Amino acid sequence: MTIQNSQRITIKVGIEVSKGYLRLRFPRALFNGNQKYLSLNLTDTLENKVAAEIQARRIELDILAGYFDPTLAKYKADYTATPKKQKVYSLLELWEKYTQCDVPTPLFE
């Protein structure tokens, strides 16, 4: 990217939520005025927002260092969504589930 007339151009990669998923929004200056997005395939959670923020800062560093890949292939990593939290049962809940089972167990064989 060339800077003309001694103007400083601020390059900021934005993070957006689209249909419940995070995506990166690239500055129009990188693509001749066209808007480009990169979907991260991550749901909108706090942990995933941190991962998106890290990726956005890495891309900004690539832009500043002159290593930006305009095909975006370098930035299409295989992200996996954070696993959903499993329900934790209390001892009482487990006991109730156990006693509700109708499977008779023989005491003596």
Protein backbone atom coordinates (compact mmCIF):
# COMPACT_ATOMS: atom_id res chain seq x y z
CA MET A 1 0.00 0.00 0.00
CA THR A 2 1.36 3.39 -0.91
CA ILE A 3 0.75 6.51 1.10
CA GLN A 4 0.17 9.55 -1.08
CA ASN A 5 0.66 13.23 -0.18
CA SER A 6 2.18 12.37 3.20
CA GLN A 7 -1.23 11.28 4.49
CA ARG A 8 -1.35 8.63 7.14
CA ILE A 9 -3.88 5.91 6.37
CA THR A 10 -5.18 3.99 9.36
CA ILE A 11 -5.59 0.31 8.63
CA LYS A 12 -8.06 -1.34 10.99
CA VAL A 13 -9.51 -4.82 10.56
CA GLY A 14 -12.96 -4.87 12.12
CA ILE A 15 -14.84 -7.70 13.79
CA GLU A 16 -18.54 -8.13 13.08
CA VAL A 17 -21.30 -10.57 13.92
CA SER A 18 -23.32 -11.88 11.00
CA LYS A 19 -26.10 -14.40 11.61
CA GLY A 20 -24.57 -15.40 14.93
CA TYR A 21 -21.06 -15.95 13.54
CA LEU A 22 -17.96 -13.78 13.70
CA ARG A 23 -16.34 -12.35 10.61
CA LEU A 24 -13.52 -9.96 9.86
CA ARG A 25 -14.14 -6.78 7.87
CA PHE A 26 -11.19 -5.52 5.83
CA PRO A 27 -10.57 -1.86 4.99
CA ARG A 28 -11.77 -0.82 1.56
CA ALA A 29 -8.35 0.68 0.84
CA LEU A 30 -6.93 -2.83 0.54
CA PHE A 31 -9.32 -3.87 -2.25
CA ASN A 32 -9.68 -0.77 -4.46
CA GLY A 33 -12.78 0.46 -2.67
CA ASN A 34 -14.52 -2.91 -2.51
CA GLN A 35 -15.63 -4.28 0.85
CA LYS A 36 -14.25 -7.73 1.74
CA TYR A 37 -15.13 -10.00 4.64
CA LEU A 38 -13.61 -13.19 5.99
CA SER A 39 -15.91 -15.51 7.90
CA LEU A 40 -14.18 -17.23 10.81
CA ASN A 41 -16.89 -19.88 11.29
CA LEU A 42 -16.91 -19.08 15.00
CA THR A 43 -20.05 -18.48 16.99
CA ASP A 44 -20.44 -15.20 18.84
CA THR A 45 -18.99 -16.08 22.26
CA LEU A 46 -16.53 -14.25 24.47
CA GLU A 47 -13.78 -16.83 23.89
CA ASN A 48 -14.27 -16.72 20.13
CA LYS A 49 -14.23 -12.91 20.13
CA VAL A 50 -10.79 -13.06 21.72
CA ALA A 51 -9.62 -15.45 18.98
CA ALA A 52 -11.07 -13.12 16.32
CA GLU A 53 -9.34 -10.13 17.91
CA ILE A 54 -6.00 -11.94 17.82
CA GLN A 55 -6.49 -12.86 14.16
CA ALA A 56 -7.45 -9.27 13.29
CA ARG A 57 -4.31 -7.89 14.97
CA ARG A 58 -2.13 -10.45 13.13
CA ILE A 59 -3.60 -9.32 9.82
CA GLU A 60 -2.99 -5.67 10.72
CA LEU A 61 0.64 -6.50 11.49
CA ASP A 62 0.96 -8.27 8.12
CA ILE A 63 -0.44 -5.16 6.41
CA LEU A 64 2.03 -2.88 8.18
CA ALA A 65 4.97 -5.21 7.53
CA GLY A 66 4.06 -5.64 3.85
CA TYR A 67 3.21 -9.35 4.07
CA PHE A 68 -0.56 -9.03 3.54
CA ASP A 69 -2.06 -11.79 1.38
CA PRO A 70 -4.83 -10.16 -0.73
CA THR A 71 -6.21 -13.59 -1.63
CA LEU A 72 -6.94 -14.07 2.10
CA ALA A 73 -5.85 -17.72 1.80
CA LYS A 74 -3.26 -17.22 4.53
CA TYR A 75 -5.95 -16.17 6.98
CA LYS A 76 -8.49 -18.91 6.31
CA ALA A 77 -7.50 -21.09 9.24
CA ASP A 78 -9.44 -24.06 10.50
CA TYR A 79 -11.14 -22.67 13.55
CA THR A 80 -13.27 -24.88 15.69
CA ALA A 81 -16.01 -23.47 17.80
CA THR A 82 -15.60 -23.71 21.53
CA PRO A 83 -17.40 -26.74 22.88
CA LYS A 84 -20.67 -26.13 24.61
CA LYS A 85 -20.61 -26.47 28.35
CA GLN A 86 -22.00 -29.73 29.62
CA LYS A 87 -24.52 -29.75 32.42
CA VAL A 88 -22.99 -30.54 35.77
CA TYR A 89 -25.27 -32.60 37.96
CA SER A 90 -25.31 -32.38 41.73
CA LEU A 91 -25.19 -35.53 43.82
CA LEU A 92 -28.89 -35.17 44.62
CA GLU A 93 -29.80 -34.88 40.92
CA LEU A 94 -27.76 -37.97 40.09
CA TRP A 95 -29.41 -39.91 42.91
CA GLU A 96 -32.88 -38.89 41.70
CA LYS A 97 -32.06 -40.00 38.16
CA TYR A 98 -30.70 -43.28 39.50
CA THR A 99 -33.76 -44.00 41.64
CA GLN A 100 -36.11 -43.18 38.75
CA CYS A 101 -34.70 -46.04 36.69
CA ASP A 102 -37.09 -48.98 36.60
CA VAL A 103 -34.42 -51.62 36.15
CA PRO A 104 -34.62 -54.06 39.04
CA THR A 105 -31.29 -55.26 40.31
CA PRO A 106 -31.11 -58.66 41.93
CA LEU A 107 -29.70 -58.65 45.44
CA PHE A 108 -28.71 -62.31 45.35
CA GLU A 109 -27.94 -64.51 42.45
